[in-house]
Amino acid sequence: MRVIIIEDEIPAREKLERYILKYDDSYKIVARLNNISQSVSWLENNENGYDIAFMDIQLSDGLSFDIFNQVAIKKPVIFTTAFDEYAIDAFKVNSIDYILKPITFTDVSKAISKFKNLKAILPNSIKEVSESFTKKKYKDRFLVRLGNHIHSIKTDVIAMFYAEGRTVFLVTTEGKRFILDYKLEDLSGLVQPKEFFRVNRTFILNFSTINDVLVYSNSRLKISTKIKTEKDIIVSRERVTAFKNWFEGN
């Protein structure tokens, strides 16, 4: 079995690899990836180059859930994390298990055994099962509050989401702004990835609101939108490649 490990802490990665090979030394670790950018790049070019992924949730450049917004993952995932707050989000994508750190050999053994059992007992192939996990329904509207009134905003009239500190805003194509009771990283998994892209830690943009894309300093990109913003919208360096692929329609 071919395994990839997405983990930015070297000791944790080495321990996980040791436990996987202890379970079965015929397994091959085909990739050791450190962050979102590196993972997206590898997965784009190796869609069928592995059988299962072990994935830490909190990486140096964000939450690993963002990987799912930038590239299609059709293989099963076993998440590893020091926090239990992401369990629900993990099972919204194609996760088959969720291991809390510190990881033990027993945890890894049970997770791999679960994967093997699922593969053996399910009538379809594990690939088909995994693909069915990825077919999720995205939100087509969001509830917002304006004074004592509650409104429903259709997703197709949302120009962007952005964060100011801990407050997240929804902006419509008419330039109307509403406060949302969501975290920006949660929104990335709730909207259609073909239409929305998180360009940096602050902005998620609808494709239709992009007016122009300019080459910026240090190989970054600057985006001009139909809705004026107080801050410049710069595609973070680690997301430039993924953004170009998304912008091209890949």
Protein backbone atom coordinates (compact mmCIF):
# COMPACT_ATOMS: atom_id res chain seq x y z
CA MET A 1 0.00 0.00 0.00
CA ARG A 2 1.23 3.48 -0.91
CA VAL A 3 0.95 6.13 1.80
CA ILE A 4 1.46 9.88 1.88
CA ILE A 5 2.02 11.80 5.10
CA ILE A 6 1.12 15.49 5.37
CA GLU A 7 2.69 16.73 8.61
CA ASP A 8 4.82 19.81 9.31
CA GLU A 9 6.35 18.59 12.57
CA ILE A 10 9.31 16.33 11.79
CA PRO A 11 9.23 14.30 15.06
CA ALA A 12 5.50 13.65 14.63
CA ARG A 13 6.00 12.66 11.00
CA GLU A 14 8.84 10.30 11.84
CA LYS A 15 6.83 8.67 14.62
CA LEU A 16 3.83 8.20 12.33
CA GLU A 17 5.99 6.71 9.60
CA ARG A 18 7.61 4.37 12.11
CA TYR A 19 4.22 3.14 13.31
CA ILE A 20 2.89 2.62 9.78
CA LEU A 21 5.89 0.50 8.80
CA LYS A 22 5.70 -1.35 12.09
CA TYR A 23 2.14 -2.31 11.19
CA ASP A 24 3.30 -3.58 7.80
CA ASP A 25 6.83 -3.06 6.52
CA SER A 26 5.71 -3.69 2.93
CA TYR A 27 3.90 -0.35 2.92
CA LYS A 28 5.64 2.46 1.02
CA ILE A 29 5.74 6.09 2.12
CA VAL A 30 5.64 7.71 -1.31
CA ALA A 31 5.53 11.35 -0.16
CA ARG A 32 6.29 13.37 2.97
CA LEU A 33 4.65 16.79 2.65
CA ASN A 34 5.01 19.76 4.98
CA ASN A 35 2.33 22.30 4.15
CA ILE A 36 -0.75 23.17 2.09
CA SER A 37 1.14 24.59 -0.88
CA GLN A 38 3.49 21.61 -1.19
CA SER A 39 0.61 19.16 -0.75
CA VAL A 40 -1.56 20.79 -3.42
CA SER A 41 1.34 20.78 -5.87
CA TRP A 42 2.12 17.09 -5.25
CA LEU A 43 -1.52 15.97 -5.36
CA GLU A 44 -2.17 17.82 -8.62
CA ASN A 45 0.50 15.70 -10.27
CA ASN A 46 -0.05 12.40 -8.43
CA GLU A 47 -3.79 11.89 -8.27
CA ASN A 48 -3.44 8.11 -8.45
CA GLY A 49 0.04 7.85 -6.99
CA TYR A 50 -1.08 6.77 -3.52
CA ASP A 51 -3.74 4.72 -1.73
CA ILE A 52 -4.30 6.58 1.52
CA ALA A 53 -3.21 9.83 3.18
CA PHE A 54 -2.36 10.59 6.79
CA MET A 55 -2.99 14.31 7.22
CA ASP A 56 -2.33 16.67 10.10
CA ILE A 57 -5.00 19.37 10.38
CA GLN A 58 -3.02 22.36 11.60
CA LEU A 59 -0.16 23.05 9.20
CA SER A 60 2.29 25.93 9.09
CA ASP A 61 0.32 27.78 6.38
CA GLY A 62 -3.21 27.04 7.55
CA LEU A 63 -5.69 24.22 8.08
CA SER A 64 -5.32 21.20 5.82
CA PHE A 65 -9.02 21.44 4.93
CA ASP A 66 -7.91 24.17 2.53
CA ILE A 67 -6.17 21.47 0.47
CA PHE A 68 -9.58 20.06 -0.43
CA ASN A 69 -10.63 23.47 -1.79
CA GLN A 70 -7.69 23.59 -4.18
CA VAL A 71 -7.39 20.06 -5.49
CA ALA A 72 -9.69 17.05 -5.81
CA ILE A 73 -8.78 14.33 -3.31
CA LYS A 74 -10.30 10.99 -4.25
CA LYS A 75 -8.47 8.78 -1.77
CA PRO A 76 -9.33 8.05 1.87
CA VAL A 77 -7.79 10.28 4.54
CA ILE A 78 -6.87 9.58 8.16
CA PHE A 79 -6.60 12.87 10.03
CA THR A 80 -4.19 13.44 12.92
CA THR A 81 -4.43 16.43 15.23
CA ALA A 82 -3.89 17.61 18.79
CA PHE A 83 -7.40 19.10 18.87
CA ASP A 84 -10.81 17.43 18.89
CA GLU A 85 -12.70 20.52 17.64
CA TYR A 86 -12.21 19.62 13.98
CA ALA A 87 -13.81 16.17 14.08
CA ILE A 88 -17.07 17.21 12.42
CA ASP A 89 -15.25 19.13 9.69
CA ALA A 90 -12.98 16.14 9.09
CA PHE A 91 -15.88 13.85 8.32
CA LYS A 92 -17.38 16.36 5.90
CA VAL A 93 -14.54 15.42 3.57
CA ASN A 94 -13.40 11.88 2.74
CA SER A 95 -12.04 11.01 6.17
CA ILE A 96 -12.25 7.46 7.46
CA ASP A 97 -10.68 8.11 10.87
CA TYR A 98 -9.58 10.89 13.23
CA ILE A 99 -6.59 10.31 15.52
CA LEU A 100 -5.83 12.62 18.43
CA LYS A 101 -2.21 13.35 19.30
CA PRO A 102 -0.09 12.10 20.92
CA ILE A 103 -0.44 9.25 18.45
CA THR A 104 0.11 5.69 19.59
CA PHE A 105 0.85 2.55 17.62
CA THR A 106 -2.55 1.22 18.70
CA ASP A 107 -4.27 4.27 17.16
CA VAL A 108 -2.48 3.81 13.86
CA SER A 109 -3.13 0.07 13.80
CA LYS A 110 -6.85 0.54 14.39
CA ALA A 111 -7.10 3.22 11.71
CA ILE A 112 -5.33 1.13 9.06
CA SER A 113 -7.34 -1.94 10.01
CA LYS A 114 -10.51 0.09 9.62
CA PHE A 115 -9.41 1.13 6.14
CA LYS A 116 -8.64 -2.48 5.17
CA ASN A 117 -11.97 -3.71 6.54
CA LEU A 118 -13.92 -1.08 4.65
CA LYS A 119 -12.08 -1.97 1.48
CA ALA A 120 -12.86 -5.66 1.99
CA ILE A 121 -16.53 -5.51 2.95
CA LEU A 122 -17.89 -2.74 0.76
CA PRO A 123 -19.26 -3.89 -2.60
CA ASN A 124 -17.66 -1.05 -4.56
CA SER A 125 -13.98 -0.31 -4.78
CA ILE A 126 -12.45 1.97 -2.13
CA LYS A 127 -11.86 4.52 -4.88
CA GLU A 128 -15.56 4.64 -5.72
CA VAL A 129 -16.44 4.92 -2.06
CA SER A 130 -13.96 7.74 -1.59
CA GLU A 131 -15.34 9.57 -4.59
CA SER A 132 -18.82 9.31 -3.13
CA PHE A 133 -17.53 10.97 0.03
CA THR A 134 -16.31 13.93 -2.00
CA LYS A 135 -19.68 14.54 -3.64
CA LYS A 136 -20.87 17.04 -1.09
CA LYS A 137 -23.67 19.54 -1.33
CA TYR A 138 -22.54 23.12 -1.05
CA LYS A 139 -24.61 25.89 0.49
CA ASP A 140 -26.80 27.83 -1.91
CA ARG A 141 -27.74 30.52 0.61
CA PHE A 142 -26.64 32.08 3.90
CA LEU A 143 -28.70 33.61 6.70
CA VAL A 144 -27.69 37.13 7.75
CA ARG A 145 -29.08 39.48 10.34
CA LEU A 146 -29.82 43.14 9.78
CA GLY A 147 -31.09 44.77 12.95
CA ASN A 148 -34.07 42.68 14.05
CA HIS A 149 -34.53 41.22 10.58
CA ILE A 150 -33.14 37.99 9.18
CA HIS A 151 -32.40 37.75 5.46
CA SER A 152 -31.42 34.85 3.24
CA ILE A 153 -28.65 35.68 0.76
CA LYS A 154 -28.26 33.41 -2.26
CA THR A 155 -24.70 32.24 -2.85
CA ASP A 156 -24.78 33.28 -6.49
CA VAL A 157 -25.08 36.96 -5.48
CA ILE A 158 -22.13 36.80 -3.06
CA ALA A 159 -19.07 38.64 -4.38
CA MET A 160 -16.72 37.74 -1.56
CA PHE A 161 -16.16 36.84 2.06
CA TYR A 162 -13.49 38.54 4.11
CA ALA A 163 -12.28 38.75 7.69
CA GLU A 164 -11.41 41.69 9.91
CA GLY A 165 -9.88 40.23 13.04
CA ARG A 166 -12.35 37.62 14.26
CA THR A 167 -15.30 39.11 12.38
CA VAL A 168 -16.24 37.64 9.01
CA PHE A 169 -18.23 39.59 6.43
CA LEU A 170 -20.31 38.59 3.42
CA VAL A 171 -20.36 41.11 0.57
CA THR A 172 -22.98 40.92 -2.17
CA THR A 173 -22.54 41.83 -5.83
CA GLU A 174 -24.40 45.06 -5.00
CA GLY A 175 -21.76 45.94 -2.42
CA LYS A 176 -23.97 45.25 0.61
CA ARG A 177 -22.02 43.97 3.62
CA PHE A 178 -23.30 41.62 6.33
CA ILE A 179 -21.67 39.99 9.36
CA LEU A 180 -21.59 36.19 9.25
CA ASP A 181 -21.39 33.81 12.17
CA TYR A 182 -18.76 31.65 10.47
CA LYS A 183 -15.01 31.31 10.48
CA LEU A 184 -13.32 31.98 7.15
CA GLU A 185 -11.71 28.54 7.10
CA ASP A 186 -15.15 26.95 7.57
CA LEU A 187 -16.61 28.91 4.66
CA SER A 188 -13.98 27.48 2.30
CA GLY A 189 -15.61 24.07 2.63
CA LEU A 190 -19.20 25.34 2.36
CA VAL A 191 -19.10 27.05 -1.02
CA GLN A 192 -18.57 25.59 -4.49
CA PRO A 193 -14.78 25.47 -5.10
CA LYS A 194 -15.25 26.05 -8.82
CA GLU A 195 -16.83 29.42 -8.03
CA PHE A 196 -15.00 30.51 -4.87
CA PHE A 197 -11.30 30.56 -4.01
CA ARG A 198 -9.52 31.59 -0.82
CA VAL A 199 -6.71 33.79 -2.12
CA ASN A 200 -5.14 34.51 1.29
CA ARG A 201 -5.92 34.45 5.00
CA THR A 202 -8.38 37.34 4.64
CA PHE A 203 -10.35 36.95 1.39
CA ILE A 204 -12.47 34.32 -0.35
CA LEU A 205 -13.49 35.57 -3.81
CA ASN A 206 -16.21 34.63 -6.24
CA PHE A 207 -14.80 34.16 -9.73
CA SER A 208 -17.43 36.51 -11.14
CA THR A 209 -16.27 39.43 -8.98
CA ILE A 210 -12.69 39.37 -10.29
CA ASN A 211 -12.09 42.31 -12.60
CA ASP A 212 -8.36 41.97 -13.28
CA VAL A 213 -5.29 40.06 -12.11
CA LEU A 214 -1.91 41.78 -12.08
CA VAL A 215 1.58 40.37 -11.63
CA TYR A 216 2.82 41.74 -8.30
CA SER A 217 6.16 41.79 -6.48
CA ASN A 218 7.94 38.59 -5.42
CA SER A 219 5.97 36.43 -7.88
CA ARG A 220 2.68 37.23 -6.22
CA LEU A 221 -0.57 38.37 -7.82
CA LYS A 222 -2.76 41.39 -7.11
CA ILE A 223 -6.49 41.12 -7.77
CA SER A 224 -8.79 43.94 -8.77
CA THR A 225 -12.47 43.27 -8.01
CA LYS A 226 -15.73 44.80 -9.15
CA ILE A 227 -16.48 45.59 -5.51
CA LYS A 228 -14.05 48.11 -4.02
CA THR A 229 -12.16 46.98 -0.92
CA GLU A 230 -10.23 48.97 1.67
CA LYS A 231 -7.30 46.57 1.51
CA ASP A 232 -5.36 45.36 -1.52
CA ILE A 233 -6.17 41.76 -2.37
CA ILE A 234 -2.89 39.90 -2.84
CA VAL A 235 -2.74 36.20 -3.63
CA SER A 236 -0.40 34.72 -1.03
CA ARG A 237 2.78 33.27 -2.54
CA GLU A 238 1.99 29.69 -1.59
CA ARG A 239 -1.40 29.87 -3.35
CA VAL A 240 -0.36 31.44 -6.63
CA THR A 241 -0.03 28.16 -8.54
CA ALA A 242 -3.35 26.83 -7.23
CA PHE A 243 -5.02 30.17 -8.00
CA LYS A 244 -3.78 30.13 -11.59
CA ASN A 245 -5.12 26.60 -12.06
CA TRP A 246 -8.46 27.60 -10.55
CA PHE A 247 -8.62 30.80 -12.59
CA GLU A 248 -7.96 28.78 -15.74
CA GLY A 249 -10.78 26.39 -14.84
CA ASN A 250 -8.70 23.33 -13.92
